[in-house]
Amino acid sequence: MGNRMTEVAESAAHMGLFAALPVTAEATTSRVVVNNPLLRVVVFAFDTGELLTDHSSPRAVVVQLIDGAIRFTSGGTEHTMAPGDVIYLAPGETHSLVADAPSHLSLVMVDQQG
Protein backbone atom coordinates (compact mmCIF):
# COMPACT_ATOMS: atom_id res chain seq x y z
CA MET A 1 0.00 0.00 0.00
CA GLY A 2 1.04 3.59 -0.38
CA ASN A 3 1.25 6.33 -2.96
CA ARG A 4 3.15 4.19 -5.46
CA MET A 5 1.73 4.62 -8.96
CA THR A 6 0.46 1.31 -10.34
CA GLU A 7 -0.36 0.24 -13.86
CA VAL A 8 -4.04 0.10 -14.84
CA ALA A 9 -3.59 -3.53 -15.89
CA GLU A 10 -2.01 -4.46 -12.53
CA SER A 11 -4.48 -6.16 -10.16
CA ALA A 12 -4.05 -5.78 -6.39
CA ALA A 13 -5.65 -6.81 -3.10
CA HIS A 14 -5.44 -4.71 0.06
CA MET A 15 -6.41 -6.60 3.19
CA GLY A 16 -6.51 -5.55 6.83
CA LEU A 17 -7.20 -1.90 6.09
CA PHE A 18 -8.97 -1.20 9.40
CA ALA A 19 -6.05 -2.70 11.34
CA ALA A 20 -3.65 -0.58 9.29
CA LEU A 21 -5.84 2.52 9.60
CA PRO A 22 -7.57 2.57 13.00
CA VAL A 23 -9.54 5.62 14.09
CA THR A 24 -7.10 7.75 16.07
CA ALA A 25 -8.22 10.12 18.83
CA GLU A 26 -8.81 13.67 17.57
CA ALA A 27 -7.38 12.89 14.13
CA THR A 28 -8.14 12.30 10.48
CA THR A 29 -5.87 9.76 8.78
CA SER A 30 -5.87 8.25 5.31
CA ARG A 31 -4.24 5.55 3.24
CA VAL A 32 -4.00 5.46 -0.57
CA VAL A 33 -4.76 1.89 -1.63
CA VAL A 34 -4.93 2.23 -5.44
CA ASN A 35 -3.22 4.90 -7.49
CA ASN A 36 -3.08 4.67 -11.27
CA PRO A 37 -3.72 6.96 -14.24
CA LEU A 38 -7.47 6.14 -14.26
CA LEU A 39 -8.38 6.15 -10.58
CA ARG A 40 -7.26 6.70 -7.03
CA VAL A 41 -8.81 4.93 -4.02
CA VAL A 42 -8.28 6.38 -0.55
CA VAL A 43 -9.59 5.05 2.77
CA PHE A 44 -10.06 7.62 5.54
CA ALA A 45 -10.46 7.22 9.30
CA PHE A 46 -12.12 10.10 11.18
CA ASP A 47 -12.58 10.52 14.91
CA THR A 48 -15.79 12.15 16.17
CA GLY A 49 -15.78 15.87 15.40
CA GLU A 50 -13.08 15.69 12.73
CA LEU A 51 -13.89 17.52 9.50
CA LEU A 52 -12.81 18.35 6.00
CA THR A 53 -13.59 21.93 4.96
CA ASP A 54 -14.95 22.92 1.53
CA HIS A 55 -12.81 21.56 -1.28
CA SER A 56 -13.23 20.05 -4.75
CA SER A 57 -11.54 17.61 -7.09
CA PRO A 58 -11.03 17.84 -10.85
CA ARG A 59 -11.92 14.12 -10.93
CA ALA A 60 -15.34 12.51 -10.55
CA VAL A 61 -15.62 11.19 -6.98
CA VAL A 62 -17.55 8.32 -5.38
CA VAL A 63 -17.73 8.37 -1.58
CA GLN A 64 -18.99 5.42 0.49
CA LEU A 65 -19.31 5.40 4.26
CA ILE A 66 -18.01 2.08 5.56
CA ASP A 67 -18.78 2.56 9.25
CA GLY A 68 -19.70 5.35 11.65
CA ALA A 69 -21.77 8.46 10.90
CA ILE A 70 -20.86 11.44 8.73
CA ARG A 71 -22.64 14.62 7.66
CA PHE A 72 -21.53 15.20 4.06
CA THR A 73 -22.35 18.47 2.32
CA SER A 74 -22.30 18.85 -1.47
CA GLY A 75 -24.06 21.29 -3.74
CA GLY A 76 -25.32 23.15 -0.67
CA THR A 77 -27.20 20.09 0.61
CA GLU A 78 -26.23 18.26 3.79
CA HIS A 79 -26.60 14.46 3.71
CA THR A 80 -26.55 12.39 6.90
CA MET A 81 -24.65 9.28 5.84
CA ALA A 82 -25.12 5.83 7.38
CA PRO A 83 -22.85 2.84 6.69
CA GLY A 84 -23.22 1.70 3.08
CA ASP A 85 -24.48 5.07 1.79
CA VAL A 86 -22.87 6.31 -1.45
CA ILE A 87 -22.53 9.85 -2.82
CA TYR A 88 -21.36 10.65 -6.36
CA LEU A 89 -19.73 14.02 -7.03
CA ALA A 90 -19.32 15.46 -10.50
CA PRO A 91 -15.85 16.85 -11.28
CA GLY A 92 -15.37 20.22 -9.59
CA GLU A 93 -18.26 19.80 -7.10
CA THR A 94 -17.45 21.54 -3.80
CA HIS A 95 -17.95 19.34 -0.75
CA SER A 96 -17.15 19.07 2.96
CA LEU A 97 -17.84 16.70 5.85
CA VAL A 98 -18.04 16.33 9.62
CA ALA A 99 -17.74 13.00 11.45
CA ASP A 100 -20.50 12.51 14.04
CA ALA A 101 -18.93 9.23 15.23
CA PRO A 102 -15.63 7.38 14.70
CA SER A 103 -15.86 6.56 10.99
CA HIS A 104 -14.17 4.93 7.99
CA LEU A 105 -14.90 6.29 4.53
CA SER A 106 -13.82 5.09 1.09
CA LEU A 107 -13.18 7.64 -1.63
CA VAL A 108 -12.71 6.73 -5.31
CA MET A 109 -11.53 9.44 -7.71
CA VAL A 110 -11.95 8.65 -11.42
CA ASP A 111 -10.32 10.57 -14.25
CA GLN A 112 -12.60 11.76 -17.01
CA GLN A 113 -12.16 10.03 -20.31
CA GLY A 114 -11.89 11.75 -23.55
C-alpha atoms as a PDB file:
ATOM      1  CA  MET A   1       0.000   0.000   0.000  1.00  0.00           C
ATOM      2  CA  GLY A   2       1.043   3.594  -0.377  1.00  0.00           C
ATOM      3  CA  ASN A   3       1.253   6.328  -2.959  1.00  0.00           C
ATOM      4  CA  ARG A   4       3.150   4.191  -5.458  1.00  0.00           C
ATOM      5  CA  MET A   5       1.733   4.617  -8.961  1.00  0.00           C
ATOM      6  CA  THR A   6       0.457   1.314 -10.343  1.00  0.00           C
ATOM      7  CA  GLU A   7      -0.356   0.242 -13.862  1.00  0.00           C
ATOM      8  CA  VAL A   8      -4.040   0.105 -14.838  1.00  0.00           C
ATOM      9  CA  ALA A   9      -3.587  -3.526 -15.892  1.00  0.00           C
ATOM     10  CA  GLU A  10      -2.006  -4.464 -12.527  1.00  0.00           C
ATOM     11  CA  SER A  11      -4.481  -6.162 -10.156  1.00  0.00           C
ATOM     12  CA  ALA A  12      -4.049  -5.776  -6.394  1.00  0.00           C
ATOM     13  CA  ALA A  13      -5.646  -6.808  -3.099  1.00  0.00           C
ATOM     14  CA  HIS A  14      -5.445  -4.707   0.056  1.00  0.00           C
ATOM     15  CA  MET A  15      -6.413  -6.597   3.185  1.00  0.00           C
ATOM     16  CA  GLY A  16      -6.510  -5.553   6.831  1.00  0.00           C
ATOM     17  CA  LEU A  17      -7.202  -1.897   6.090  1.00  0.00           C
ATOM     18  CA  PHE A  18      -8.965  -1.200   9.397  1.00  0.00           C
ATOM     19  CA  ALA A  19      -6.055  -2.699  11.342  1.00  0.00           C
ATOM     20  CA  ALA A  20      -3.646  -0.584   9.292  1.00  0.00           C
ATOM     21  CA  LEU A  21      -5.839   2.516   9.595  1.00  0.00           C
ATOM     22  CA  PRO A  22      -7.573   2.574  12.996  1.00  0.00           C
ATOM     23  CA  VAL A  23      -9.543   5.618  14.092  1.00  0.00           C
ATOM     24  CA  THR A  24      -7.096   7.745  16.071  1.00  0.00           C
ATOM     25  CA  ALA A  25      -8.217  10.124  18.835  1.00  0.00           C
ATOM     26  CA  GLU A  26      -8.811  13.668  17.575  1.00  0.00           C
ATOM     27  CA  ALA A  27      -7.377  12.891  14.127  1.00  0.00           C
ATOM     28  CA  THR A  28      -8.135  12.300  10.478  1.00  0.00           C
ATOM     29  CA  THR A  29      -5.871   9.765   8.777  1.00  0.00           C
ATOM     30  CA  SER A  30      -5.865   8.250   5.307  1.00  0.00           C
ATOM     31  CA  ARG A  31      -4.239   5.551   3.238  1.00  0.00           C
ATOM     32  CA  VAL A  32      -3.998   5.464  -0.571  1.00  0.00           C
ATOM     33  CA  VAL A  33      -4.756   1.892  -1.632  1.00  0.00           C
ATOM     34  CA  VAL A  34      -4.931   2.229  -5.438  1.00  0.00           C
ATOM     35  CA  ASN A  35      -3.221   4.903  -7.489  1.00  0.00           C
ATOM     36  CA  ASN A  36      -3.083   4.671 -11.271  1.00  0.00           C
ATOM     37  CA  PRO A  37      -3.721   6.960 -14.240  1.00  0.00           C
ATOM     38  CA  LEU A  38      -7.471   6.144 -14.263  1.00  0.00           C
ATOM     39  CA  LEU A  39      -8.375   6.153 -10.584  1.00  0.00           C
ATOM     40  CA  ARG A  40      -7.260   6.699  -7.029  1.00  0.00           C
ATOM     41  CA  VAL A  41      -8.815   4.932  -4.019  1.00  0.00           C
ATOM     42  CA  VAL A  42      -8.276   6.380  -0.549  1.00  0.00           C
ATOM     43  CA  VAL A  43      -9.590   5.051   2.772  1.00  0.00           C
ATOM     44  CA  PHE A  44     -10.058   7.623   5.540  1.00  0.00           C
ATOM     45  CA  ALA A  45     -10.455   7.222   9.300  1.00  0.00           C
ATOM     46  CA  PHE A  46     -12.118  10.097  11.179  1.00  0.00           C
ATOM     47  CA  ASP A  47     -12.580  10.523  14.907  1.00  0.00           C
ATOM     48  CA  THR A  48     -15.791  12.147  16.167  1.00  0.00           C
ATOM     49  CA  GLY A  49     -15.777  15.871  15.404  1.00  0.00           C
ATOM     50  CA  GLU A  50     -13.075  15.691  12.728  1.00  0.00           C
ATOM     51  CA  LEU A  51     -13.895  17.521   9.500  1.00  0.00           C
ATOM     52  CA  LEU A  52     -12.811  18.353   6.002  1.00  0.00           C
ATOM     53  CA  THR A  53     -13.591  21.934   4.964  1.00  0.00           C
ATOM     54  CA  ASP A  54     -14.948  22.915   1.532  1.00  0.00           C
ATOM     55  CA  HIS A  55     -12.811  21.563  -1.283  1.00  0.00           C
ATOM     56  CA  SER A  56     -13.235  20.050  -4.745  1.00  0.00           C
ATOM     57  CA  SER A  57     -11.540  17.614  -7.093  1.00  0.00           C
ATOM     58  CA  PRO A  58     -11.027  17.845 -10.854  1.00  0.00           C
ATOM     59  CA  ARG A  59     -11.920  14.124 -10.926  1.00  0.00           C
ATOM     60  CA  ALA A  60     -15.339  12.508 -10.554  1.00  0.00           C
ATOM     61  CA  VAL A  61     -15.617  11.188  -6.975  1.00  0.00           C
ATOM     62  CA  VAL A  62     -17.552   8.316  -5.381  1.00  0.00           C
ATOM     63  CA  VAL A  63     -17.726   8.371  -1.579  1.00  0.00           C
ATOM     64  CA  GLN A  64     -18.987   5.417   0.486  1.00  0.00           C
ATOM     65  CA  LEU A  65     -19.306   5.400   4.259  1.00  0.00           C
ATOM     66  CA  ILE A  66     -18.008   2.083   5.563  1.00  0.00           C
ATOM     67  CA  ASP A  67     -18.781   2.555   9.255  1.00  0.00           C
ATOM     68  CA  GLY A  68     -19.701   5.353  11.649  1.00  0.00           C
ATOM     69  CA  ALA A  69     -21.767   8.463  10.897  1.00  0.00           C
ATOM     70  CA  ILE A  70     -20.855  11.440   8.725  1.00  0.00           C
ATOM     71  CA  ARG A  71     -22.637  14.620   7.663  1.00  0.00           C
ATOM     72  CA  PHE A  72     -21.531  15.200   4.065  1.00  0.00           C
ATOM     73  CA  THR A  73     -22.351  18.475   2.316  1.00  0.00           C
ATOM     74  CA  SER A  74     -22.296  18.854  -1.472  1.00  0.00           C
ATOM     75  CA  GLY A  75     -24.059  21.285  -3.740  1.00  0.00           C
ATOM     76  CA  GLY A  76     -25.318  23.154  -0.671  1.00  0.00           C
ATOM     77  CA  THR A  77     -27.198  20.094   0.612  1.00  0.00           C
ATOM     78  CA  GLU A  78     -26.235  18.257   3.792  1.00  0.00           C
ATOM     79  CA  HIS A  79     -26.597  14.459   3.711  1.00  0.00           C
ATOM     80  CA  THR A  80     -26.553  12.392   6.900  1.00  0.00           C
ATOM     81  CA  MET A  81     -24.650   9.279   5.842  1.00  0.00           C
ATOM     82  CA  ALA A  82     -25.116   5.830   7.380  1.00  0.00           C
ATOM     83  CA  PRO A  83     -22.851   2.837   6.686  1.00  0.00           C
ATOM     84  CA  GLY A  84     -23.219   1.705   3.082  1.00  0.00           C
ATOM     85  CA  ASP A  85     -24.477   5.071   1.787  1.00  0.00           C
ATOM     86  CA  VAL A  86     -22.867   6.311  -1.453  1.00  0.00           C
ATOM     87  CA  ILE A  87     -22.528   9.849  -2.816  1.00  0.00           C
ATOM     88  CA  TYR A  88     -21.363  10.651  -6.361  1.00  0.00           C
ATOM     89  CA  LEU A  89     -19.732  14.020  -7.032  1.00  0.00           C
ATOM     90  CA  ALA A  90     -19.317  15.464 -10.504  1.00  0.00           C
ATOM     91  CA  PRO A  91     -15.851  16.847 -11.277  1.00  0.00           C
ATOM     92  CA  GLY A  92     -15.374  20.222  -9.591  1.00  0.00           C
ATOM     93  CA  GLU A  93     -18.259  19.796  -7.097  1.00  0.00           C
ATOM     94  CA  THR A  94     -17.447  21.542  -3.803  1.00  0.00           C
ATOM     95  CA  HIS A  95     -17.950  19.336  -0.747  1.00  0.00           C
ATOM     96  CA  SER A  96     -17.150  19.068   2.964  1.00  0.00           C
ATOM     97  CA  LEU A  97     -17.843  16.696   5.845  1.00  0.00           C
ATOM     98  CA  VAL A  98     -18.042  16.334   9.616  1.00  0.00           C
ATOM     99  CA  ALA A  99     -17.740  12.996  11.449  1.00  0.00           C
ATOM    100  CA  ASP A 100     -20.500  12.507  14.044  1.00  0.00           C
ATOM    101  CA  ALA A 101     -18.926   9.229  15.235  1.00  0.00           C
ATOM    102  CA  PRO A 102     -15.635   7.385  14.696  1.00  0.00           C
ATOM    103  CA  SER A 103     -15.856   6.557  10.988  1.00  0.00           C
ATOM    104  CA  HIS A 104     -14.171   4.932   7.993  1.00  0.00           C
ATOM    105  CA  LEU A 105     -14.898   6.285   4.525  1.00  0.00           C
ATOM    106  CA  SER A 106     -13.817   5.086   1.087  1.00  0.00           C
ATOM    107  CA  LEU A 107     -13.178   7.645  -1.632  1.00  0.00           C
ATOM    108  CA  VAL A 108     -12.712   6.732  -5.309  1.00  0.00           C
ATOM    109  CA  MET A 109     -11.532   9.443  -7.708  1.00  0.00           C
ATOM    110  CA  VAL A 110     -11.950   8.652 -11.415  1.00  0.00           C
ATOM    111  CA  ASP A 111     -10.321  10.565 -14.246  1.00  0.00           C
ATOM    112  CA  GLN A 112     -12.604  11.763 -17.009  1.00  0.00           C
ATOM    113  CA  GLN A 113     -12.160  10.034 -20.310  1.00  0.00           C
ATOM    114  CA  GLY A 114     -11.895  11.752 -23.548  1.00  0.00           C
END
